[in-house]
Amino acid sequence: MNSERLRQKRMAAGISGILLSSQVGIDRGRLSLIERGYVRSTDQEMTRIETALDALIQAKLKLSAFAAECGWPLSAL
């Protein structure tokens, strides 16, 4: 995945850069630079970022499904 698509995927999922960077274990500023194409990440780092983003998206989907079962407003997530 290229850096621009990474940012688009993160934003479309409603995942904050702070949350993603903390899950990956990198500085928020570095994630921002990677997403904007100013810094080239290593393949290993990009794999860690993509894996963490996918895990966060799956967790958010599970929470949304649980909220719907309980009748909670989904906009709160």
N, C-alpha and C. Protein backbone atom coordinates (compact mmCIF):
# COMPACT_ATOMS: atom_id res chain seq x y z
N MET A 1 0.86 -1.17 0.00
CA MET A 1 0.00 0.00 0.00
C MET A 1 0.91 1.23 0.00
N ASN A 2 0.55 2.19 -0.82
CA ASN A 2 1.35 3.42 -0.81
C ASN A 2 0.89 4.35 0.31
N SER A 3 1.69 5.35 0.57
CA SER A 3 1.44 6.23 1.72
C SER A 3 0.12 6.99 1.60
N GLU A 4 -0.22 7.44 0.41
CA GLU A 4 -1.47 8.19 0.23
C GLU A 4 -2.68 7.30 0.47
N ARG A 5 -2.63 6.08 -0.03
CA ARG A 5 -3.74 5.14 0.18
C ARG A 5 -3.86 4.77 1.65
N LEU A 6 -2.73 4.68 2.34
CA LEU A 6 -2.74 4.40 3.77
C LEU A 6 -3.51 5.48 4.51
N ARG A 7 -3.20 6.73 4.22
CA ARG A 7 -3.88 7.85 4.88
C ARG A 7 -5.38 7.86 4.56
N GLN A 8 -5.71 7.63 3.30
CA GLN A 8 -7.11 7.61 2.90
C GLN A 8 -7.87 6.49 3.62
N LYS A 9 -7.25 5.32 3.73
CA LYS A 9 -7.89 4.19 4.40
C LYS A 9 -8.10 4.51 5.88
N ARG A 10 -7.08 5.10 6.52
CA ARG A 10 -7.18 5.44 7.94
C ARG A 10 -8.29 6.46 8.17
N MET A 11 -8.31 7.48 7.36
CA MET A 11 -9.31 8.54 7.53
C MET A 11 -10.71 8.04 7.22
N ALA A 12 -10.86 7.22 6.19
CA ALA A 12 -12.18 6.68 5.84
C ALA A 12 -12.72 5.80 6.97
N ALA A 13 -11.82 5.15 7.68
CA ALA A 13 -12.24 4.28 8.79
C ALA A 13 -12.48 5.07 10.07
N GLY A 14 -12.11 6.35 10.07
CA GLY A 14 -12.30 7.17 11.26
C GLY A 14 -11.32 6.85 12.37
N ILE A 15 -10.15 6.38 12.00
CA ILE A 15 -9.11 6.05 12.97
C ILE A 15 -8.15 7.25 13.07
N SER A 16 -7.90 7.70 14.28
CA SER A 16 -7.01 8.85 14.43
C SER A 16 -5.56 8.45 14.21
N GLY A 17 -4.77 9.40 13.77
CA GLY A 17 -3.35 9.17 13.60
C GLY A 17 -2.66 8.88 14.92
N ILE A 18 -3.14 9.52 15.97
CA ILE A 18 -2.56 9.30 17.30
C ILE A 18 -2.78 7.84 17.73
N LEU A 19 -3.98 7.32 17.54
CA LEU A 19 -4.28 5.95 17.91
C LEU A 19 -3.43 4.98 17.09
N LEU A 20 -3.39 5.18 15.79
CA LEU A 20 -2.63 4.27 14.93
C LEU A 20 -1.14 4.31 15.28
N SER A 21 -0.59 5.49 15.43
CA SER A 21 0.85 5.58 15.73
C SER A 21 1.17 4.94 17.07
N SER A 22 0.28 5.07 18.05
CA SER A 22 0.54 4.45 19.34
C SER A 22 0.47 2.93 19.24
N GLN A 23 -0.41 2.41 18.40
CA GLN A 23 -0.49 0.96 18.20
C GLN A 23 0.74 0.41 17.50
N VAL A 24 1.29 1.20 16.60
CA VAL A 24 2.46 0.78 15.83
C VAL A 24 3.75 0.97 16.64
N GLY A 25 3.73 1.95 17.54
CA GLY A 25 4.92 2.25 18.32
C GLY A 25 5.85 3.23 17.63
N ILE A 26 5.26 4.13 16.84
CA ILE A 26 6.06 5.18 16.20
C ILE A 26 5.49 6.53 16.60
N ASP A 27 6.27 7.55 16.39
CA ASP A 27 5.86 8.91 16.69
C ASP A 27 4.75 9.34 15.73
N ARG A 28 3.78 10.11 16.24
CA ARG A 28 2.68 10.60 15.39
C ARG A 28 3.21 11.44 14.25
N GLY A 29 4.23 12.21 14.51
CA GLY A 29 4.82 13.04 13.46
C GLY A 29 5.40 12.20 12.33
N ARG A 30 6.03 11.09 12.68
CA ARG A 30 6.60 10.21 11.66
C ARG A 30 5.48 9.60 10.82
N LEU A 31 4.40 9.17 11.46
CA LEU A 31 3.28 8.62 10.70
C LEU A 31 2.74 9.66 9.73
N SER A 32 2.61 10.88 10.18
CA SER A 32 2.13 11.96 9.32
C SER A 32 3.05 12.16 8.12
N LEU A 33 4.35 12.16 8.37
CA LEU A 33 5.32 12.33 7.28
C LEU A 33 5.25 11.17 6.29
N ILE A 34 5.05 9.96 6.80
CA ILE A 34 4.91 8.79 5.92
C ILE A 34 3.65 8.92 5.08
N GLU A 35 2.55 9.27 5.72
CA GLU A 35 1.27 9.39 5.00
C GLU A 35 1.31 10.47 3.94
N ARG A 36 2.03 11.53 4.19
CA ARG A 36 2.11 12.63 3.21
C ARG A 36 3.21 12.42 2.18
N GLY A 37 3.95 11.32 2.30
CA GLY A 37 4.97 10.99 1.31
C GLY A 37 6.28 11.72 1.48
N TYR A 38 6.49 12.38 2.61
CA TYR A 38 7.73 13.11 2.85
C TYR A 38 8.85 12.21 3.35
N VAL A 39 8.45 11.07 3.96
CA VAL A 39 9.41 10.11 4.48
C VAL A 39 9.04 8.75 3.92
N ARG A 40 10.01 8.02 3.49
CA ARG A 40 9.76 6.67 2.98
C ARG A 40 9.97 5.68 4.12
N SER A 41 8.97 4.88 4.40
CA SER A 41 9.08 3.90 5.46
C SER A 41 9.73 2.63 4.92
N THR A 42 10.26 1.86 5.83
CA THR A 42 10.80 0.56 5.44
C THR A 42 9.63 -0.38 5.17
N ASP A 43 9.89 -1.46 4.46
CA ASP A 43 8.83 -2.44 4.20
C ASP A 43 8.31 -3.02 5.51
N GLN A 44 9.21 -3.25 6.44
CA GLN A 44 8.83 -3.81 7.74
C GLN A 44 7.93 -2.83 8.51
N GLU A 45 8.29 -1.55 8.48
CA GLU A 45 7.50 -0.53 9.17
C GLU A 45 6.12 -0.40 8.52
N MET A 46 6.07 -0.41 7.20
CA MET A 46 4.79 -0.29 6.50
C MET A 46 3.91 -1.50 6.80
N THR A 47 4.50 -2.67 6.91
CA THR A 47 3.73 -3.87 7.25
C THR A 47 3.14 -3.73 8.66
N ARG A 48 3.93 -3.22 9.60
CA ARG A 48 3.43 -3.00 10.96
C ARG A 48 2.29 -2.00 10.97
N ILE A 49 2.41 -0.93 10.19
CA ILE A 49 1.36 0.10 10.13
C ILE A 49 0.08 -0.49 9.54
N GLU A 50 0.21 -1.20 8.44
CA GLU A 50 -0.96 -1.79 7.79
C GLU A 50 -1.64 -2.82 8.69
N THR A 51 -0.85 -3.64 9.37
CA THR A 51 -1.40 -4.66 10.26
C THR A 51 -2.16 -4.01 11.41
N ALA A 52 -1.57 -2.97 12.00
CA ALA A 52 -2.22 -2.27 13.11
C ALA A 52 -3.51 -1.59 12.64
N LEU A 53 -3.47 -0.97 11.47
CA LEU A 53 -4.66 -0.30 10.94
C LEU A 53 -5.77 -1.30 10.69
N ASP A 54 -5.44 -2.43 10.09
CA ASP A 54 -6.46 -3.46 9.84
C ASP A 54 -7.06 -3.97 11.15
N ALA A 55 -6.21 -4.16 12.17
CA ALA A 55 -6.70 -4.63 13.47
C ALA A 55 -7.63 -3.59 14.11
N LEU A 56 -7.28 -2.31 14.01
CA LEU A 56 -8.13 -1.26 14.57
C LEU A 56 -9.46 -1.17 13.83
N ILE A 57 -9.43 -1.33 12.53
CA ILE A 57 -10.66 -1.29 11.75
C ILE A 57 -11.56 -2.46 12.14
N GLN A 58 -10.99 -3.65 12.29
CA GLN A 58 -11.78 -4.82 12.70
C GLN A 58 -12.37 -4.62 14.09
N ALA A 59 -11.59 -4.06 15.01
CA ALA A 59 -12.09 -3.81 16.36
C ALA A 59 -13.24 -2.81 16.33
N LYS A 60 -13.11 -1.78 15.50
CA LYS A 60 -14.16 -0.78 15.39
C LYS A 60 -15.44 -1.39 14.81
N LEU A 61 -15.29 -2.28 13.84
CA LEU A 61 -16.46 -2.95 13.26
C LEU A 61 -17.16 -3.83 14.31
N LYS A 62 -16.37 -4.53 15.12
CA LYS A 62 -16.96 -5.36 16.17
C LYS A 62 -17.69 -4.51 17.20
N LEU A 63 -17.09 -3.39 17.57
CA LEU A 63 -17.75 -2.49 18.52
C LEU A 63 -19.04 -1.92 17.94
N SER A 64 -19.01 -1.58 16.67
CA SER A 64 -20.21 -1.05 16.02
C SER A 64 -21.32 -2.09 15.99
N ALA A 65 -20.95 -3.33 15.70
CA ALA A 65 -21.95 -4.40 15.66
C ALA A 65 -22.54 -4.63 17.05
N PHE A 66 -21.69 -4.62 18.07
CA PHE A 66 -22.17 -4.80 19.43
C PHE A 66 -23.08 -3.64 19.83
N ALA A 67 -22.68 -2.43 19.47
CA ALA A 67 -23.50 -1.25 19.79
C ALA A 67 -24.87 -1.35 19.14
N ALA A 68 -24.90 -1.82 17.90
CA ALA A 68 -26.18 -1.97 17.19
C ALA A 68 -27.07 -3.00 17.89
N GLU A 69 -26.47 -4.09 18.37
CA GLU A 69 -27.23 -5.11 19.09
C GLU A 69 -27.85 -4.54 20.37
N CYS A 70 -27.14 -3.63 21.01
CA CYS A 70 -27.59 -3.06 22.28
C CYS A 70 -28.47 -1.83 22.09
N GLY A 71 -28.57 -1.37 20.86
CA GLY A 71 -29.37 -0.19 20.59
C GLY A 71 -28.65 1.11 20.88
N TRP A 72 -27.34 1.08 20.98
CA TRP A 72 -26.58 2.30 21.20
C TRP A 72 -26.42 3.04 19.88
N PRO A 73 -26.34 4.35 19.93
CA PRO A 73 -26.12 5.11 18.70
C PRO A 73 -24.73 4.83 18.13
N LEU A 74 -24.68 4.47 16.86
CA LEU A 74 -23.40 4.16 16.24
C LEU A 74 -22.51 5.38 16.06
N SER A 75 -23.11 6.56 16.05
CA SER A 75 -22.31 7.77 15.88
C SER A 75 -21.38 8.01 17.05
N ALA A 76 -21.64 7.37 18.17
CA ALA A 76 -20.78 7.53 19.35
C ALA A 76 -19.44 6.85 19.15
N LEU A 77 -19.35 5.93 18.19
CA LEU A 77 -18.09 5.24 17.94
C LEU A 77 -17.39 5.99 16.87
